[in-house]
Amino acid sequence: MNGFITLSHGHGGKYTHELIEKLMYKYFNNKTLIEGIDSATFNIKKGKLAFTTDSFVVKPLFFNGGDIGKLAI
């Protein structure tokens, strides 16, 4: 990194990976984060809960047959 965060760091891929490794891990360094997994399971009273997260940019917000709200689950 050259000392600046740019739009390319938010597009995923190589630059996002660089931002996470060289900046985020420095301040949020723990075993779980370093694994780099975007999902987890949690033990709850009635079994297990699975959790994952991801994000996407959709443009236009409204399109033939749907909208961003219909894509969200």
PDB file of N, CA and C in Angstrom:
ATOM      1  N   MET A   1       0.851  -1.191   0.000  1.00  0.00           N
ATOM      2  CA  MET A   1       0.000   0.000   0.000  1.00  0.00           C
ATOM      3  C   MET A   1       0.883   1.234   0.000  1.00  0.00           C
ATOM      4  N   ASN A   2       0.412   2.260  -0.664  1.00  0.00           N
ATOM      5  CA  ASN A   2       1.186   3.489  -0.770  1.00  0.00           C
ATOM      6  C   ASN A   2       0.765   4.557   0.238  1.00  0.00           C
ATOM      7  N   GLY A   3       0.039   4.171   1.285  1.00  0.00           N
ATOM      8  CA  GLY A   3      -0.382   5.134   2.292  1.00  0.00           C
ATOM      9  C   GLY A   3      -1.770   5.709   2.066  1.00  0.00           C
ATOM     10  N   PHE A   4      -2.420   5.323   0.981  1.00  0.00           N
ATOM     11  CA  PHE A   4      -3.755   5.817   0.666  1.00  0.00           C
ATOM     12  C   PHE A   4      -4.706   4.646   0.449  1.00  0.00           C
ATOM     13  N   ILE A   5      -5.939   4.822   0.871  1.00  0.00           N
ATOM     14  CA  ILE A   5      -6.989   3.863   0.553  1.00  0.00           C
ATOM     15  C   ILE A   5      -7.749   4.435  -0.633  1.00  0.00           C
ATOM     16  N   THR A   6      -7.861   3.650  -1.695  1.00  0.00           N
ATOM     17  CA  THR A   6      -8.511   4.113  -2.917  1.00  0.00           C
ATOM     18  C   THR A   6      -9.764   3.283  -3.198  1.00  0.00           C
ATOM     19  N   LEU A   7     -10.518   3.684  -4.209  1.00  0.00           N
ATOM     20  CA  LEU A   7     -11.711   2.928  -4.589  1.00  0.00           C
ATOM     21  C   LEU A   7     -11.374   1.489  -4.959  1.00  0.00           C
ATOM     22  N   SER A   8     -10.197   1.270  -5.516  1.00  0.00           N
ATOM     23  CA  SER A   8      -9.823  -0.091  -5.915  1.00  0.00           C
ATOM     24  C   SER A   8      -9.732  -1.030  -4.719  1.00  0.00           C
ATOM     25  N   HIS A   9      -9.482  -0.503  -3.532  1.00  0.00           N
ATOM     26  CA  HIS A   9      -9.438  -1.345  -2.333  1.00  0.00           C
ATOM     27  C   HIS A   9     -10.821  -1.875  -1.965  1.00  0.00           C
ATOM     28  N   GLY A  10     -11.869  -1.268  -2.463  1.00  0.00           N
ATOM     29  CA  GLY A  10     -13.221  -1.705  -2.147  1.00  0.00           C
ATOM     30  C   GLY A  10     -13.844  -2.614  -3.193  1.00  0.00           C
ATOM     31  N   HIS A  11     -13.097  -2.950  -4.223  1.00  0.00           N
ATOM     32  CA  HIS A  11     -13.639  -3.758  -5.314  1.00  0.00           C
ATOM     33  C   HIS A  11     -13.420  -5.249  -5.130  1.00  0.00           C
ATOM     34  N   GLY A  12     -12.808  -5.647  -4.047  1.00  0.00           N
ATOM     35  CA  GLY A  12     -12.500  -7.065  -3.864  1.00  0.00           C
ATOM     36  C   GLY A  12     -11.181  -7.399  -4.531  1.00  0.00           C
ATOM     37  N   GLY A  13     -10.816  -8.636  -4.476  1.00  0.00           N
ATOM     38  CA  GLY A  13      -9.600  -9.076  -5.149  1.00  0.00           C
ATOM     39  C   GLY A  13      -8.324  -8.637  -4.460  1.00  0.00           C
ATOM     40  N   LYS A  14      -7.285  -8.442  -5.262  1.00  0.00           N
ATOM     41  CA  LYS A  14      -5.928  -8.200  -4.773  1.00  0.00           C
ATOM     42  C   LYS A  14      -5.828  -6.996  -3.838  1.00  0.00           C
ATOM     43  N   TYR A  15      -6.425  -5.879  -4.209  1.00  0.00           N
ATOM     44  CA  TYR A  15      -6.284  -4.668  -3.401  1.00  0.00           C
ATOM     45  C   TYR A  15      -7.063  -4.739  -2.088  1.00  0.00           C
ATOM     46  N   THR A  16      -8.215  -5.365  -2.106  1.00  0.00           N
ATOM     47  CA  THR A  16      -8.957  -5.560  -0.861  1.00  0.00           C
ATOM     48  C   THR A  16      -8.175  -6.473   0.067  1.00  0.00           C
ATOM     49  N   HIS A  17      -7.623  -7.537  -0.490  1.00  0.00           N
ATOM     50  CA  HIS A  17      -6.804  -8.469   0.293  1.00  0.00           C
ATOM     51  C   HIS A  17      -5.607  -7.738   0.912  1.00  0.00           C
ATOM     52  N   GLU A  18      -4.968  -6.874   0.124  1.00  0.00           N
ATOM     53  CA  GLU A  18      -3.835  -6.089   0.613  1.00  0.00           C
ATOM     54  C   GLU A  18      -4.253  -5.173   1.769  1.00  0.00           C
ATOM     55  N   LEU A  19      -5.387  -4.515   1.637  1.00  0.00           N
ATOM     56  CA  LEU A  19      -5.892  -3.625   2.685  1.00  0.00           C
ATOM     57  C   LEU A  19      -6.147  -4.392   3.977  1.00  0.00           C
ATOM     58  N   ILE A  20      -6.778  -5.538   3.855  1.00  0.00           N
ATOM     59  CA  ILE A  20      -7.077  -6.347   5.040  1.00  0.00           C
ATOM     60  C   ILE A  20      -5.795  -6.833   5.701  1.00  0.00           C
ATOM     61  N   GLU A  21      -4.874  -7.390   4.909  1.00  0.00           N
ATOM     62  CA  GLU A  21      -3.641  -7.947   5.476  1.00  0.00           C
ATOM     63  C   GLU A  21      -2.726  -6.885   6.073  1.00  0.00           C
ATOM     64  N   LYS A  22      -2.549  -5.764   5.376  1.00  0.00           N
ATOM     65  CA  LYS A  22      -1.562  -4.774   5.814  1.00  0.00           C
ATOM     66  C   LYS A  22      -2.098  -3.728   6.773  1.00  0.00           C
ATOM     67  N   LEU A  23      -3.409  -3.556   6.842  1.00  0.00           N
ATOM     68  CA  LEU A  23      -3.953  -2.534   7.730  1.00  0.00           C
ATOM     69  C   LEU A  23      -4.888  -3.115   8.782  1.00  0.00           C
ATOM     70  N   MET A  24      -5.895  -3.832   8.358  1.00  0.00           N
ATOM     71  CA  MET A  24      -6.908  -4.311   9.301  1.00  0.00           C
ATOM     72  C   MET A  24      -6.342  -5.288  10.325  1.00  0.00           C
ATOM     73  N   TYR A  25      -5.545  -6.249   9.862  1.00  0.00           N
ATOM     74  CA  TYR A  25      -4.996  -7.233  10.797  1.00  0.00           C
ATOM     75  C   TYR A  25      -4.097  -6.575  11.842  1.00  0.00           C
ATOM     76  N   LYS A  26      -3.488  -5.475  11.480  1.00  0.00           N
ATOM     77  CA  LYS A  26      -2.615  -4.755  12.410  1.00  0.00           C
ATOM     78  C   LYS A  26      -3.388  -4.288  13.645  1.00  0.00           C
ATOM     79  N   TYR A  27      -4.629  -3.873  13.454  1.00  0.00           N
ATOM     80  CA  TYR A  27      -5.428  -3.328  14.547  1.00  0.00           C
ATOM     81  C   TYR A  27      -6.463  -4.305  15.103  1.00  0.00           C
ATOM     82  N   PHE A  28      -6.874  -5.270  14.305  1.00  0.00           N
ATOM     83  CA  PHE A  28      -7.879  -6.239  14.733  1.00  0.00           C
ATOM     84  C   PHE A  28      -7.297  -7.642  14.691  1.00  0.00           C
ATOM     85  N   ASN A  29      -6.104  -7.780  15.210  1.00  0.00           N
ATOM     86  CA  ASN A  29      -5.354  -9.021  15.111  1.00  0.00           C
ATOM     87  C   ASN A  29      -5.822 -10.040  16.152  1.00  0.00           C
ATOM     88  N   ASN A  30      -6.449 -11.107  15.697  1.00  0.00           N
ATOM     89  CA  ASN A  30      -6.752 -12.239  16.566  1.00  0.00           C
ATOM     90  C   ASN A  30      -6.833 -13.499  15.713  1.00  0.00           C
ATOM     91  N   LYS A  31      -6.778 -14.636  16.350  1.00  0.00           N
ATOM     92  CA  LYS A  31      -6.715 -15.923  15.652  1.00  0.00           C
ATOM     93  C   LYS A  31      -7.866 -16.114  14.666  1.00  0.00           C
ATOM     94  N   THR A  32      -9.070 -15.790  15.082  1.00  0.00           N
ATOM     95  CA  THR A  32     -10.241 -15.996  14.233  1.00  0.00           C
ATOM     96  C   THR A  32     -10.183 -15.132  12.978  1.00  0.00           C
ATOM     97  N   LEU A  33      -9.826 -13.859  13.118  1.00  0.00           N
ATOM     98  CA  LEU A  33      -9.770 -12.977  11.953  1.00  0.00           C
ATOM     99  C   LEU A  33      -8.679 -13.382  10.977  1.00  0.00           C
ATOM    100  N   ILE A  34      -7.533 -13.793  11.487  1.00  0.00           N
ATOM    101  CA  ILE A  34      -6.419 -14.166  10.618  1.00  0.00           C
ATOM    102  C   ILE A  34      -6.767 -15.368   9.744  1.00  0.00           C
ATOM    103  N   GLU A  35      -7.682 -16.215  10.196  1.00  0.00           N
ATOM    104  CA  GLU A  35      -8.117 -17.346   9.370  1.00  0.00           C
ATOM    105  C   GLU A  35      -8.777 -16.863   8.079  1.00  0.00           C
ATOM    106  N   GLY A  36      -9.341 -15.659   8.087  1.00  0.00           N
ATOM    107  CA  GLY A  36      -9.921 -15.075   6.883  1.00  0.00           C
ATOM    108  C   GLY A  36     -11.182 -15.745   6.379  1.00  0.00           C
ATOM    109  N   ILE A  37     -11.910 -16.385   7.246  1.00  0.00           N
ATOM    110  CA  ILE A  37     -13.138 -17.074   6.862  1.00  0.00           C
ATOM    111  C   ILE A  37     -14.318 -16.123   7.064  1.00  0.00           C
ATOM    112  N   ASP A  38     -15.221 -16.067   6.091  1.00  0.00           N
ATOM    113  CA  ASP A  38     -16.359 -15.145   6.191  1.00  0.00           C
ATOM    114  C   ASP A  38     -17.635 -15.831   6.662  1.00  0.00           C
ATOM    115  N   SER A  39     -17.474 -16.898   7.442  1.00  0.00           N
ATOM    116  CA  SER A  39     -18.642 -17.588   7.988  1.00  0.00           C
ATOM    117  C   SER A  39     -18.280 -18.203   9.333  1.00  0.00           C
ATOM    118  N   ALA A  40     -19.305 -18.563  10.094  1.00  0.00           N
ATOM    119  CA  ALA A  40     -19.069 -19.167  11.408  1.00  0.00           C
ATOM    120  C   ALA A  40     -20.304 -19.947  11.829  1.00  0.00           C
ATOM    121  N   THR A  41     -20.121 -20.861  12.764  1.00  0.00           N
ATOM    122  CA  THR A  41     -21.247 -21.537  13.402  1.00  0.00           C
ATOM    123  C   THR A  41     -21.165 -21.275  14.892  1.00  0.00           C
ATOM    124  N   PHE A  42     -22.323 -21.123  15.501  1.00  0.00           N
ATOM    125  CA  PHE A  42     -22.409 -20.832  16.924  1.00  0.00           C
ATOM    126  C   PHE A  42     -23.304 -21.866  17.585  1.00  0.00           C
ATOM    127  N   ASN A  43     -22.898 -22.334  18.738  1.00  0.00           N
ATOM    128  CA  ASN A  43     -23.752 -23.223  19.521  1.00  0.00           C
ATOM    129  C   ASN A  43     -24.793 -22.380  20.244  1.00  0.00           C
ATOM    130  N   ILE A  44     -26.055 -22.731  20.060  1.00  0.00           N
ATOM    131  CA  ILE A  44     -27.143 -22.057  20.757  1.00  0.00           C
ATOM    132  C   ILE A  44     -27.954 -23.111  21.507  1.00  0.00           C
ATOM    133  N   LYS A  45     -28.897 -22.679  22.305  1.00  0.00           N
ATOM    134  CA  LYS A  45     -29.653 -23.603  23.156  1.00  0.00           C
ATOM    135  C   LYS A  45     -30.281 -24.761  22.389  1.00  0.00           C
ATOM    136  N   LYS A  46     -30.780 -24.504  21.202  1.00  0.00           N
ATOM    137  CA  LYS A  46     -31.501 -25.541  20.458  1.00  0.00           C
ATOM    138  C   LYS A  46     -30.694 -26.108  19.295  1.00  0.00           C
ATOM    139  N   GLY A  47     -29.388 -26.009  19.325  1.00  0.00           N
ATOM    140  CA  GLY A  47     -28.577 -26.562  18.240  1.00  0.00           C
ATOM    141  C   GLY A  47     -27.468 -25.625  17.824  1.00  0.00           C
ATOM    142  N   LYS A  48     -27.354 -25.403  16.512  1.00  0.00           N
ATOM    143  CA  LYS A  48     -26.318 -24.530  15.978  1.00  0.00           C
ATOM    144  C   LYS A  48     -26.935 -23.463  15.085  1.00  0.00           C
ATOM    145  N   LEU A  49     -26.271 -22.331  15.030  1.00  0.00           N
ATOM    146  CA  LEU A  49     -26.662 -21.235  14.161  1.00  0.00           C
ATOM    147  C   LEU A  49     -25.504 -20.993  13.198  1.00  0.00           C
ATOM    148  N   ALA A  50     -25.781 -20.975  11.904  1.00  0.00           N
ATOM    149  CA  ALA A  50     -24.760 -20.689  10.899  1.00  0.00           C
ATOM    150  C   ALA A  50     -24.913 -19.238  10.458  1.00  0.00           C
ATOM    151  N   PHE A  51     -23.793 -18.560  10.260  1.00  0.00           N
ATOM    152  CA  PHE A  51     -23.802 -17.149   9.900  1.00  0.00           C
ATOM    153  C   PHE A  51     -22.754 -16.911   8.828  1.00  0.00           C
ATOM    154  N   THR A  52     -23.121 -16.155   7.818  1.00  0.00           N
ATOM    155  CA  THR A  52     -22.168 -15.741   6.798  1.00  0.00           C
ATOM    156  C   THR A  52     -22.564 -14.361   6.305  1.00  0.00           C
ATOM    157  N   THR A  53     -21.637 -13.672   5.716  1.00  0.00           N
ATOM    158  CA  THR A  53     -21.927 -12.341   5.207  1.00  0.00           C
ATOM    159  C   THR A  53     -21.197 -12.112   3.893  1.00  0.00           C
ATOM    160  N   ASP A  54     -21.803 -11.347   3.048  1.00  0.00           N
ATOM    161  CA  ASP A  54     -21.200 -10.941   1.793  1.00  0.00           C
ATOM    162  C   ASP A  54     -21.973  -9.726   1.319  1.00  0.00           C
ATOM    163  N   SER A  55     -21.400  -8.972   0.432  1.00  0.00           N
ATOM    164  CA  SER A  55     -22.110  -7.793  -0.064  1.00  0.00           C
ATOM    165  C   SER A  55     -21.881  -7.651  -1.559  1.00  0.00           C
ATOM    166  N   PHE A  56     -22.843  -7.030  -2.202  1.00  0.00           N
ATOM    167  CA  PHE A  56     -22.783  -6.827  -3.638  1.00  0.00           C
ATOM    168  C   PHE A  56     -23.327  -5.443  -3.954  1.00  0.00           C
ATOM    169  N   VAL A  57     -22.854  -4.875  -5.039  1.00  0.00           N
ATOM    170  CA  VAL A  57     -23.381  -3.612  -5.532  1.00  0.00           C
ATOM    171  C   VAL A  57     -24.227  -3.926  -6.751  1.00  0.00           C
ATOM    172  N   VAL A  58     -25.454  -3.453  -6.740  1.00  0.00           N
ATOM    173  CA  VAL A  58     -26.356  -3.681  -7.860  1.00  0.00           C
ATOM    174  C   VAL A  58     -26.720  -2.331  -8.454  1.00  0.00           C
ATOM    175  N   LYS A  59     -26.504  -2.189  -9.737  1.00  0.00           N
ATOM    176  CA  LYS A  59     -26.855  -0.947 -10.411  1.00  0.00           C
ATOM    177  C   LYS A  59     -27.463  -1.315 -11.747  1.00  0.00           C
ATOM    178  N   PRO A  60     -28.641  -0.903 -12.027  1.00  0.00           N
ATOM    179  CA  PRO A  60     -29.488   0.013 -11.266  1.00  0.00           C
ATOM    180  C   PRO A  60     -30.169  -0.695 -10.089  1.00  0.00           C
ATOM    181  N   LEU A  61     -30.649   0.086  -9.131  1.00  0.00           N
ATOM    182  CA  LEU A  61     -31.325  -0.481  -7.966  1.00  0.00           C
ATOM    183  C   LEU A  61     -32.624  -1.174  -8.352  1.00  0.00           C
ATOM    184  N   PHE A  62     -33.280  -0.679  -9.385  1.00  0.00           N
ATOM    185  CA  PHE A  62     -34.517  -1.280  -9.883  1.00  0.00           C
ATOM    186  C   PHE A  62     -34.243  -1.815 -11.280  1.00  0.00           C
ATOM    187  N   PHE A  63     -34.665  -3.032 -11.548  1.00  0.00           N
ATOM    188  CA  PHE A  63     -34.421  -3.649 -12.841  1.00  0.00           C
ATOM    189  C   PHE A  63     -35.610  -4.521 -13.203  1.00  0.00           C
ATOM    190  N   ASN A  64     -35.686  -4.939 -14.440  1.00  0.00           N
ATOM    191  CA  ASN A  64     -36.814  -5.720 -14.935  1.00  0.00           C
ATOM    192  C   ASN A  64     -36.990  -6.986 -14.098  1.00  0.00           C
ATOM    193  N   GLY A  65     -38.122  -7.084 -13.421  1.00  0.00           N
ATOM    194  CA  GLY A  65     -38.417  -8.272 -12.636  1.00  0.00           C
ATOM    195  C   GLY A  65     -37.977  -8.218 -11.193  1.00  0.00           C
ATOM    196  N   GLY A  66     -37.417  -7.108 -10.726  1.00  0.00           N
ATOM    197  CA  GLY A  66     -37.004  -7.079  -9.326  1.00  0.00           C
ATOM    198  C   GLY A  66     -36.359  -5.777  -8.915  1.00  0.00           C
ATOM    199  N   ASP A  67     -35.816  -5.785  -7.724  1.00  0.00           N
ATOM    200  CA  ASP A  67     -35.081  -4.652  -7.189  1.00  0.00           C
ATOM    201  C   ASP A  67     -34.130  -5.173  -6.112  1.00  0.00           C
ATOM    202  N   ILE A  68     -33.316  -4.312  -5.567  1.00  0.00           N
ATOM    203  CA  ILE A  68     -32.316  -4.723  -4.579  1.00  0.00           C
ATOM    204  C   ILE A  68     -32.968  -5.377  -3.358  1.00  0.00           C
ATOM    205  N   GLY A  69     -34.147  -4.937  -2.981  1.00  0.00           N
ATOM    206  CA  GLY A  69     -34.845  -5.525  -1.835  1.00  0.00           C
ATOM    207  C   GLY A  69     -35.246  -6.969  -2.068  1.00  0.00           C
ATOM    208  N   LYS A  70     -35.612  -7.302  -3.294  1.00  0.00           N
ATOM    209  CA  LYS A  70     -35.995  -8.683  -3.606  1.00  0.00           C
ATOM    210  C   LYS A  70     -34.783  -9.608  -3.630  1.00  0.00           C
ATOM    211  N   LEU A  71     -33.599  -9.057  -3.868  1.00  0.00           N
ATOM    212  CA  LEU A  71     -32.387  -9.870  -3.854  1.00  0.00           C
ATOM    213  C   LEU A  71     -31.926 -10.170  -2.440  1.00  0.00           C
ATOM    214  N   ALA A  72     -32.252  -9.281  -1.504  1.00  0.00           N
ATOM    215  CA  ALA A  72     -31.825  -9.451  -0.111  1.00  0.00           C
ATOM    216  C   ALA A  72     -32.624 -10.574   0.536  1.00  0.00           C
ATOM    217  N   ILE A  73     -31.946 -11.355   1.311  1.00  0.00           N
ATOM    218  CA  ILE A  73     -32.614 -12.469   2.002  1.00  0.00           C
ATOM    219  C   ILE A  73     -32.547 -12.215   3.489  1.00  0.00           C
TER     220      ILE A  73
END
